[in-house]
Amino acid sequence: MKLLSEMFLRTKHIIRGTYYFSIRNNLYSSQITEALPASGEGVNISDACVTKLKQLCDGNNSFLRLCVESGGCSGFQYKFDLDNKMENDDRVFEKDGVKVVIDETSLEYIKGSTIDYHTELIRSAFRVIQNPNADIGCSCGASFSIKID
């Protein structure tokens, strides 16, 4: 019983940032790679995310693309894709040879966050955790609202 209550507590804390990814096939182009942020001007990449991306992108030029879209119960939602084409407004964050790409507009909503990969009994997914810009999320964990100062 203790294990179930611990799992419930962990799930309660991570439900806000659990999202799925899909695969997009595009042409690969040149890119500018930035170091991981030390201040909150970019995003951090967890070791679990690095491990999963190495499995998914092994030997090809794919990277994880993260964008923030309007939608969901709370106003905004995260969208994850595997991609291999860069856009002009993309920012690239790299750790241990894997890349996470975020467009400049989306980055404004997730600066200071951590990109993670989490495995549960019922699903496994990339997720955004510790987003200092998010205020609340809906009960299903598919959307979030932005803090207004």
N, C-alpha and C. Protein backbone atom coordinates (compact mmCIF):
# COMPACT_ATOMS: atom_id res chain seq x y z
N MET A 1 0.81 -1.19 0.00
CA MET A 1 0.00 0.00 0.00
C MET A 1 0.86 1.26 0.00
N LYS A 2 1.97 1.21 0.69
CA LYS A 2 2.86 2.36 0.74
C LYS A 2 3.37 2.70 -0.66
N LEU A 3 3.70 1.68 -1.46
CA LEU A 3 4.18 1.90 -2.81
C LEU A 3 3.14 2.63 -3.65
N LEU A 4 1.87 2.25 -3.54
CA LEU A 4 0.82 2.91 -4.30
C LEU A 4 0.66 4.37 -3.88
N SER A 5 0.73 4.64 -2.59
CA SER A 5 0.59 6.02 -2.16
C SER A 5 1.79 6.86 -2.60
N GLU A 6 2.99 6.28 -2.60
CA GLU A 6 4.16 7.01 -3.10
C GLU A 6 4.01 7.29 -4.59
N MET A 7 3.50 6.30 -5.36
CA MET A 7 3.30 6.49 -6.79
C MET A 7 2.27 7.59 -7.03
N PHE A 8 1.19 7.59 -6.23
CA PHE A 8 0.17 8.62 -6.37
C PHE A 8 0.76 10.00 -6.10
N LEU A 9 1.58 10.13 -5.08
CA LEU A 9 2.19 11.42 -4.77
C LEU A 9 3.11 11.87 -5.89
N ARG A 10 3.90 10.95 -6.44
CA ARG A 10 4.78 11.32 -7.55
C ARG A 10 3.95 11.71 -8.77
N THR A 11 2.90 10.96 -9.06
CA THR A 11 2.05 11.26 -10.20
C THR A 11 1.39 12.62 -10.03
N LYS A 12 0.97 12.93 -8.84
CA LYS A 12 0.33 14.20 -8.56
C LYS A 12 1.25 15.36 -8.90
N HIS A 13 2.54 15.19 -8.68
CA HIS A 13 3.49 16.26 -8.96
C HIS A 13 3.86 16.35 -10.44
N ILE A 14 3.78 15.28 -11.17
CA ILE A 14 4.23 15.30 -12.57
C ILE A 14 3.09 15.37 -13.57
N ILE A 15 1.87 15.28 -13.11
CA ILE A 15 0.75 15.23 -14.04
C ILE A 15 0.69 16.46 -14.93
N ARG A 16 1.11 17.63 -14.44
CA ARG A 16 1.02 18.85 -15.20
C ARG A 16 1.84 18.79 -16.48
N GLY A 17 2.96 18.08 -16.51
CA GLY A 17 3.86 18.16 -17.64
C GLY A 17 4.01 16.92 -18.47
N THR A 18 3.06 16.00 -18.48
CA THR A 18 3.21 14.77 -19.25
C THR A 18 2.55 14.92 -20.61
N TYR A 19 3.33 14.77 -21.66
CA TYR A 19 2.83 14.92 -23.02
C TYR A 19 3.47 13.88 -23.92
N TYR A 20 2.87 13.63 -25.07
CA TYR A 20 3.36 12.63 -25.99
C TYR A 20 4.14 13.26 -27.14
N PHE A 21 4.84 12.43 -27.88
CA PHE A 21 5.56 12.93 -29.04
C PHE A 21 5.14 12.12 -30.26
N SER A 22 5.35 12.70 -31.42
CA SER A 22 5.10 11.99 -32.67
C SER A 22 6.31 12.22 -33.57
N ILE A 23 6.37 11.54 -34.68
CA ILE A 23 7.53 11.62 -35.57
C ILE A 23 7.15 12.39 -36.83
N ARG A 24 7.98 13.37 -37.18
CA ARG A 24 7.81 14.11 -38.43
C ARG A 24 9.05 13.85 -39.28
N ASN A 25 8.86 13.65 -40.56
CA ASN A 25 9.98 13.46 -41.48
C ASN A 25 10.13 14.71 -42.34
N ASN A 26 11.23 15.39 -42.18
CA ASN A 26 11.54 16.58 -42.97
C ASN A 26 13.00 16.51 -43.37
N LEU A 27 13.40 17.43 -44.22
CA LEU A 27 14.80 17.49 -44.63
C LEU A 27 15.62 18.17 -43.56
N TYR A 28 16.84 17.74 -43.40
CA TYR A 28 17.75 18.30 -42.41
C TYR A 28 18.47 19.51 -42.98
N SER A 29 18.65 20.55 -42.19
CA SER A 29 19.39 21.73 -42.63
C SER A 29 20.37 22.15 -41.55
N SER A 30 21.12 23.20 -41.81
CA SER A 30 22.14 23.63 -40.85
C SER A 30 21.51 24.17 -39.58
N GLN A 31 22.31 24.25 -38.52
CA GLN A 31 21.79 24.67 -37.23
C GLN A 31 22.86 25.36 -36.42
N ILE A 32 22.41 26.13 -35.45
CA ILE A 32 23.30 26.77 -34.49
C ILE A 32 23.01 26.11 -33.14
N THR A 33 24.04 25.60 -32.49
CA THR A 33 23.86 24.90 -31.22
C THR A 33 24.31 25.79 -30.08
N GLU A 34 23.49 25.82 -29.03
CA GLU A 34 23.81 26.62 -27.86
C GLU A 34 24.10 25.72 -26.68
N ALA A 35 24.90 26.20 -25.77
CA ALA A 35 25.18 25.45 -24.56
C ALA A 35 23.94 25.45 -23.66
N LEU A 36 23.87 24.49 -22.78
CA LEU A 36 22.76 24.46 -21.82
C LEU A 36 22.83 25.69 -20.93
N PRO A 37 21.69 26.24 -20.60
CA PRO A 37 21.67 27.49 -19.84
C PRO A 37 22.06 27.29 -18.38
N ALA A 38 22.75 28.24 -17.85
CA ALA A 38 23.06 28.23 -16.43
C ALA A 38 22.12 29.18 -15.71
N SER A 39 21.54 30.10 -16.37
CA SER A 39 20.66 31.09 -15.78
C SER A 39 19.19 30.81 -15.97
N GLY A 40 18.38 30.75 -16.46
CA GLY A 40 17.01 30.45 -16.77
C GLY A 40 16.64 31.01 -18.11
N GLU A 41 17.63 31.27 -18.96
CA GLU A 41 17.35 31.83 -20.28
C GLU A 41 17.10 30.76 -21.34
N GLY A 42 17.17 29.51 -20.96
CA GLY A 42 16.91 28.43 -21.89
C GLY A 42 16.24 27.30 -21.16
N VAL A 43 16.52 26.07 -21.55
CA VAL A 43 15.96 24.90 -20.89
C VAL A 43 17.07 23.94 -20.50
N ASN A 44 16.79 23.10 -19.54
CA ASN A 44 17.70 22.03 -19.14
C ASN A 44 17.17 20.72 -19.70
N ILE A 45 18.05 19.76 -19.90
CA ILE A 45 17.67 18.45 -20.41
C ILE A 45 18.07 17.41 -19.38
N SER A 46 17.12 16.60 -18.94
CA SER A 46 17.40 15.60 -17.91
C SER A 46 18.18 14.42 -18.50
N ASP A 47 18.82 13.65 -17.64
CA ASP A 47 19.54 12.46 -18.08
C ASP A 47 18.60 11.43 -18.69
N ALA A 48 17.38 11.30 -18.16
CA ALA A 48 16.40 10.36 -18.71
C ALA A 48 16.01 10.77 -20.13
N CYS A 49 15.90 12.05 -20.38
CA CYS A 49 15.59 12.56 -21.72
C CYS A 49 16.74 12.24 -22.68
N VAL A 50 17.96 12.45 -22.23
CA VAL A 50 19.14 12.16 -23.05
C VAL A 50 19.17 10.68 -23.42
N THR A 51 18.94 9.81 -22.46
CA THR A 51 18.97 8.37 -22.70
C THR A 51 17.93 7.96 -23.74
N LYS A 52 16.70 8.46 -23.61
CA LYS A 52 15.64 8.10 -24.55
C LYS A 52 15.92 8.66 -25.94
N LEU A 53 16.40 9.88 -26.01
CA LEU A 53 16.70 10.47 -27.32
C LEU A 53 17.84 9.74 -28.02
N LYS A 54 18.81 9.26 -27.26
CA LYS A 54 19.88 8.47 -27.88
C LYS A 54 19.32 7.19 -28.49
N GLN A 55 18.33 6.58 -27.84
CA GLN A 55 17.69 5.38 -28.39
C GLN A 55 16.89 5.70 -29.65
N LEU A 56 16.15 6.79 -29.63
CA LEU A 56 15.27 7.13 -30.74
C LEU A 56 16.01 7.72 -31.94
N CYS A 57 17.06 8.46 -31.69
CA CYS A 57 17.74 9.20 -32.76
C CYS A 57 19.08 8.60 -33.14
N ASP A 58 19.37 7.40 -32.71
CA ASP A 58 20.66 6.77 -32.95
C ASP A 58 20.96 6.66 -34.45
N GLY A 59 22.04 7.29 -34.88
CA GLY A 59 22.50 7.15 -36.24
C GLY A 59 21.81 8.04 -37.26
N ASN A 60 20.84 8.80 -36.87
CA ASN A 60 20.23 9.72 -37.84
C ASN A 60 20.36 11.14 -37.32
N ASN A 61 19.93 12.10 -38.09
CA ASN A 61 20.09 13.51 -37.72
C ASN A 61 18.84 14.07 -37.04
N SER A 62 18.07 13.25 -36.37
CA SER A 62 16.85 13.69 -35.72
C SER A 62 17.13 14.37 -34.39
N PHE A 63 16.20 15.18 -33.97
CA PHE A 63 16.25 15.84 -32.68
C PHE A 63 14.84 15.97 -32.15
N LEU A 64 14.72 16.30 -30.88
CA LEU A 64 13.41 16.49 -30.27
C LEU A 64 13.00 17.95 -30.44
N ARG A 65 11.86 18.17 -31.08
CA ARG A 65 11.33 19.52 -31.24
C ARG A 65 10.22 19.71 -30.20
N LEU A 66 10.28 20.80 -29.49
CA LEU A 66 9.27 21.15 -28.50
C LEU A 66 8.67 22.49 -28.87
N CYS A 67 7.35 22.56 -28.91
CA CYS A 67 6.70 23.84 -29.13
C CYS A 67 5.51 23.97 -28.19
N VAL A 68 5.13 25.19 -27.93
CA VAL A 68 3.97 25.50 -27.10
C VAL A 68 2.89 25.99 -28.04
N GLU A 69 1.71 25.37 -27.93
CA GLU A 69 0.58 25.75 -28.77
C GLU A 69 -0.57 26.20 -27.89
N SER A 70 -1.45 27.02 -28.46
CA SER A 70 -2.66 27.36 -27.72
C SER A 70 -3.58 26.15 -27.76
N GLY A 71 -4.32 25.96 -26.67
CA GLY A 71 -5.26 24.84 -26.61
C GLY A 71 -5.30 24.22 -25.24
N GLY A 72 -6.10 23.20 -25.12
CA GLY A 72 -6.26 22.53 -23.84
C GLY A 72 -7.17 23.31 -22.92
N CYS A 73 -7.43 22.76 -21.75
CA CYS A 73 -8.35 23.38 -20.77
C CYS A 73 -7.81 24.67 -20.19
N SER A 74 -6.50 24.78 -20.07
CA SER A 74 -5.91 25.91 -19.36
C SER A 74 -5.31 26.98 -20.27
N GLY A 75 -5.33 26.77 -21.56
CA GLY A 75 -4.88 27.81 -22.48
C GLY A 75 -3.69 27.47 -23.36
N PHE A 76 -2.71 26.70 -22.84
CA PHE A 76 -1.53 26.33 -23.61
C PHE A 76 -1.20 24.87 -23.41
N GLN A 77 -0.57 24.26 -24.41
CA GLN A 77 -0.14 22.87 -24.27
C GLN A 77 1.20 22.67 -24.96
N TYR A 78 1.96 21.69 -24.47
CA TYR A 78 3.26 21.35 -25.06
C TYR A 78 3.05 20.34 -26.18
N LYS A 79 3.86 20.45 -27.22
CA LYS A 79 3.83 19.48 -28.32
C LYS A 79 5.26 19.02 -28.59
N PHE A 80 5.46 17.71 -28.57
CA PHE A 80 6.77 17.11 -28.83
C PHE A 80 6.73 16.37 -30.16
N ASP A 81 7.79 16.54 -30.98
CA ASP A 81 7.95 15.82 -32.24
C ASP A 81 9.40 15.43 -32.40
N LEU A 82 9.64 14.33 -33.09
CA LEU A 82 10.99 14.05 -33.58
C LEU A 82 11.06 14.67 -34.96
N ASP A 83 12.09 15.45 -35.20
CA ASP A 83 12.20 16.22 -36.43
C ASP A 83 13.64 16.18 -36.91
N ASN A 84 13.88 16.62 -38.14
CA ASN A 84 15.25 16.74 -38.63
C ASN A 84 15.42 17.96 -39.52
N LYS A 85 14.48 18.92 -39.46
CA LYS A 85 14.59 20.15 -40.24
C LYS A 85 14.56 21.35 -39.31
N MET A 86 15.55 22.21 -39.45
CA MET A 86 15.64 23.42 -38.65
C MET A 86 14.87 24.56 -39.32
N GLU A 87 14.34 25.45 -38.51
CA GLU A 87 13.67 26.66 -38.98
C GLU A 87 14.54 27.85 -38.58
N ASN A 88 14.28 29.01 -39.16
CA ASN A 88 15.10 30.20 -38.91
C ASN A 88 15.06 30.68 -37.47
N ASP A 89 13.93 30.50 -36.78
CA ASP A 89 13.80 31.02 -35.42
C ASP A 89 14.05 29.96 -34.35
N ASP A 90 14.67 28.85 -34.71
CA ASP A 90 14.92 27.77 -33.76
C ASP A 90 16.12 28.06 -32.86
N ARG A 91 16.00 27.65 -31.60
CA ARG A 91 17.12 27.65 -30.67
C ARG A 91 17.40 26.19 -30.35
N VAL A 92 18.67 25.81 -30.33
CA VAL A 92 19.07 24.42 -30.12
C VAL A 92 19.78 24.31 -28.78
N PHE A 93 19.36 23.32 -27.99
CA PHE A 93 20.00 23.02 -26.72
C PHE A 93 20.51 21.59 -26.80
N GLU A 94 21.76 21.39 -26.44
CA GLU A 94 22.40 20.09 -26.61
C GLU A 94 22.98 19.60 -25.30
N LYS A 95 22.86 18.29 -25.09
CA LYS A 95 23.48 17.65 -23.93
C LYS A 95 23.90 16.25 -24.33
N ASP A 96 25.13 15.91 -24.12
CA ASP A 96 25.68 14.57 -24.40
C ASP A 96 25.35 14.08 -25.80
N GLY A 97 25.36 14.97 -26.77
CA GLY A 97 25.18 14.58 -28.16
C GLY A 97 23.74 14.55 -28.66
N VAL A 98 22.77 14.83 -27.82
CA VAL A 98 21.38 14.89 -28.28
C VAL A 98 20.92 16.35 -28.27
N LYS A 99 19.95 16.65 -29.11
CA LYS A 99 19.50 18.03 -29.27
C LYS A 99 18.00 18.16 -28.99
N VAL A 100 17.66 19.26 -28.34
CA VAL A 100 16.27 19.68 -28.17
C VAL A 100 16.17 21.03 -28.85
N VAL A 101 15.21 21.17 -29.76
CA VAL A 101 15.04 22.39 -30.55
C VAL A 101 13.72 23.04 -30.17
N ILE A 102 13.76 24.34 -29.92
CA ILE A 102 12.58 25.09 -29.51
C ILE A 102 12.56 26.40 -30.28
N ASP A 103 11.41 26.75 -30.87
CA ASP A 103 11.32 28.04 -31.56
C ASP A 103 11.31 29.17 -30.52
N GLU A 104 11.72 30.35 -30.94
CA GLU A 104 11.88 31.47 -30.01
C GLU A 104 10.59 31.84 -29.29
N THR A 105 9.46 31.77 -29.98
CA THR A 105 8.18 32.12 -29.35
C THR A 105 7.84 31.14 -28.24
N SER A 106 7.99 29.85 -28.50
CA SER A 106 7.70 28.83 -27.49
C SER A 106 8.66 28.92 -26.32
N LEU A 107 9.91 29.27 -26.59
CA LEU A 107 10.91 29.36 -25.54
C LEU A 107 10.52 30.39 -24.48
N GLU A 108 9.84 31.44 -24.88
CA GLU A 108 9.40 32.45 -23.92
C GLU A 108 8.49 31.86 -22.85
N TYR A 109 7.74 30.81 -23.18
CA TYR A 109 6.80 30.19 -22.25
C TYR A 109 7.44 29.11 -21.37
N ILE A 110 8.66 28.67 -21.72
CA ILE A 110 9.25 27.55 -20.98
C ILE A 110 10.68 27.81 -20.50
N LYS A 111 11.14 29.05 -20.58
CA LYS A 111 12.48 29.37 -20.09
C LYS A 111 12.65 28.90 -18.66
N GLY A 112 13.78 28.26 -18.38
CA GLY A 112 14.07 27.79 -17.04
C GLY A 112 13.50 26.41 -16.72
N SER A 113 12.78 25.81 -17.65
CA SER A 113 12.17 24.49 -17.44
C SER A 113 13.17 23.37 -17.68
N THR A 114 12.77 22.17 -17.33
CA THR A 114 13.55 20.97 -17.61
C THR A 114 12.75 20.07 -18.53
N ILE A 115 13.39 19.57 -19.58
CA ILE A 115 12.77 18.60 -20.49
C ILE A 115 13.16 17.23 -19.97
N ASP A 116 12.17 16.38 -19.74
CA ASP A 116 12.37 15.09 -19.10
C ASP A 116 11.67 14.00 -19.89
N TYR A 117 12.05 12.76 -19.62
CA TYR A 117 11.33 11.60 -20.15
C TYR A 117 10.95 10.76 -18.95
N HIS A 118 9.66 10.44 -18.84
CA HIS A 118 9.17 9.75 -17.66
C HIS A 118 8.42 8.49 -18.07
N THR A 119 8.65 7.40 -17.34
CA THR A 119 7.97 6.13 -17.60
C THR A 119 7.09 5.80 -16.41
N GLU A 120 5.82 5.51 -16.69
CA GLU A 120 4.86 5.08 -15.69
C GLU A 120 4.31 3.73 -16.10
N LEU A 121 3.45 3.17 -15.28
CA LEU A 121 2.83 1.90 -15.61
C LEU A 121 1.96 1.99 -16.85
N ILE A 122 1.26 3.10 -17.04
CA ILE A 122 0.31 3.20 -18.14
C ILE A 122 0.82 3.98 -19.35
N ARG A 123 1.94 4.68 -19.22
CA ARG A 123 2.47 5.43 -20.37
C ARG A 123 3.90 5.88 -20.12
N SER A 124 4.56 6.22 -21.20
CA SER A 124 5.89 6.83 -21.16
C SER A 124 5.85 8.02 -22.09
N ALA A 125 6.46 9.12 -21.67
CA ALA A 125 6.37 10.32 -22.49
C ALA A 125 7.44 11.34 -22.12
N PHE A 126 7.75 12.19 -23.11
CA PHE A 126 8.53 13.38 -22.82
C PHE A 126 7.61 14.34 -22.10
N ARG A 127 8.20 15.18 -21.24
CA ARG A 127 7.39 16.13 -20.50
C ARG A 127 8.24 17.34 -20.13
N VAL A 128 7.57 18.42 -19.81
CA VAL A 128 8.23 19.62 -19.30
C VAL A 128 7.95 19.66 -17.81
N ILE A 129 9.01 19.76 -17.02
CA ILE A 129 8.84 19.84 -15.57
C ILE A 129 9.49 21.12 -15.06
N GLN A 130 9.08 21.52 -13.90
CA GLN A 130 9.65 22.69 -13.22
C GLN A 130 9.61 23.93 -14.10
N ASN A 131 8.46 24.16 -14.75
CA ASN A 131 8.31 25.34 -15.58
C ASN A 131 7.99 26.54 -14.70
N PRO A 132 8.93 27.48 -14.55
CA PRO A 132 8.69 28.63 -13.69
C PRO A 132 7.66 29.60 -14.26
N ASN A 133 7.29 29.43 -15.52
CA ASN A 133 6.32 30.32 -16.16
C ASN A 133 4.90 29.79 -16.10
N ALA A 134 4.71 28.54 -15.68
CA ALA A 134 3.38 27.93 -15.63
C ALA A 134 2.74 28.20 -14.28
N ASP A 135 1.48 28.54 -14.31
CA ASP A 135 0.75 28.80 -13.08
C ASP A 135 0.02 27.54 -12.62
N ILE A 136 -0.94 27.09 -13.38
CA ILE A 136 -1.69 25.87 -13.04
C ILE A 136 -1.88 25.03 -14.29
N GLY A 137 -2.21 23.77 -14.09
CA GLY A 137 -2.51 22.88 -15.20
C GLY A 137 -3.87 22.25 -14.99
N CYS A 138 -4.43 21.71 -16.04
CA CYS A 138 -5.72 21.05 -15.91
C CYS A 138 -5.52 19.68 -15.26
N SER A 139 -6.60 19.08 -14.85
CA SER A 139 -6.50 17.81 -14.11
C SER A 139 -5.98 16.67 -14.98
N CYS A 140 -6.15 16.74 -16.30
CA CYS A 140 -5.65 15.67 -17.16
C CYS A 140 -4.18 15.84 -17.49
N GLY A 141 -3.59 16.99 -17.19
CA GLY A 141 -2.17 17.22 -17.40
C GLY A 141 -1.80 17.59 -18.82
N ALA A 142 -2.78 17.90 -19.66
CA ALA A 142 -2.50 18.19 -21.07
C ALA A 142 -2.30 19.67 -21.35
N SER A 143 -2.55 20.54 -20.38
CA SER A 143 -2.40 21.96 -20.66
C SER A 143 -1.97 22.71 -19.41
N PHE A 144 -1.60 23.98 -19.60
CA PHE A 144 -1.16 24.81 -18.49
C PHE A 144 -1.52 26.25 -18.78
N SER A 145 -1.54 27.07 -17.76
CA SER A 145 -1.74 28.50 -17.94
C SER A 145 -0.47 29.22 -17.51
N ILE A 146 -0.28 30.40 -18.05
CA ILE A 146 0.92 31.18 -17.81
C ILE A 146 0.73 32.06 -16.58
N LYS A 147 1.80 32.18 -15.79
CA LYS A 147 1.77 33.10 -14.65
C LYS A 147 1.70 34.53 -15.15
N ILE A 148 0.85 35.29 -14.54
CA ILE A 148 0.75 36.71 -14.87
C ILE A 148 1.20 37.49 -13.63
N ASP A 149 2.28 38.25 -13.81
CA ASP A 149 2.82 39.01 -12.66
C ASP A 149 2.09 40.29 -12.45
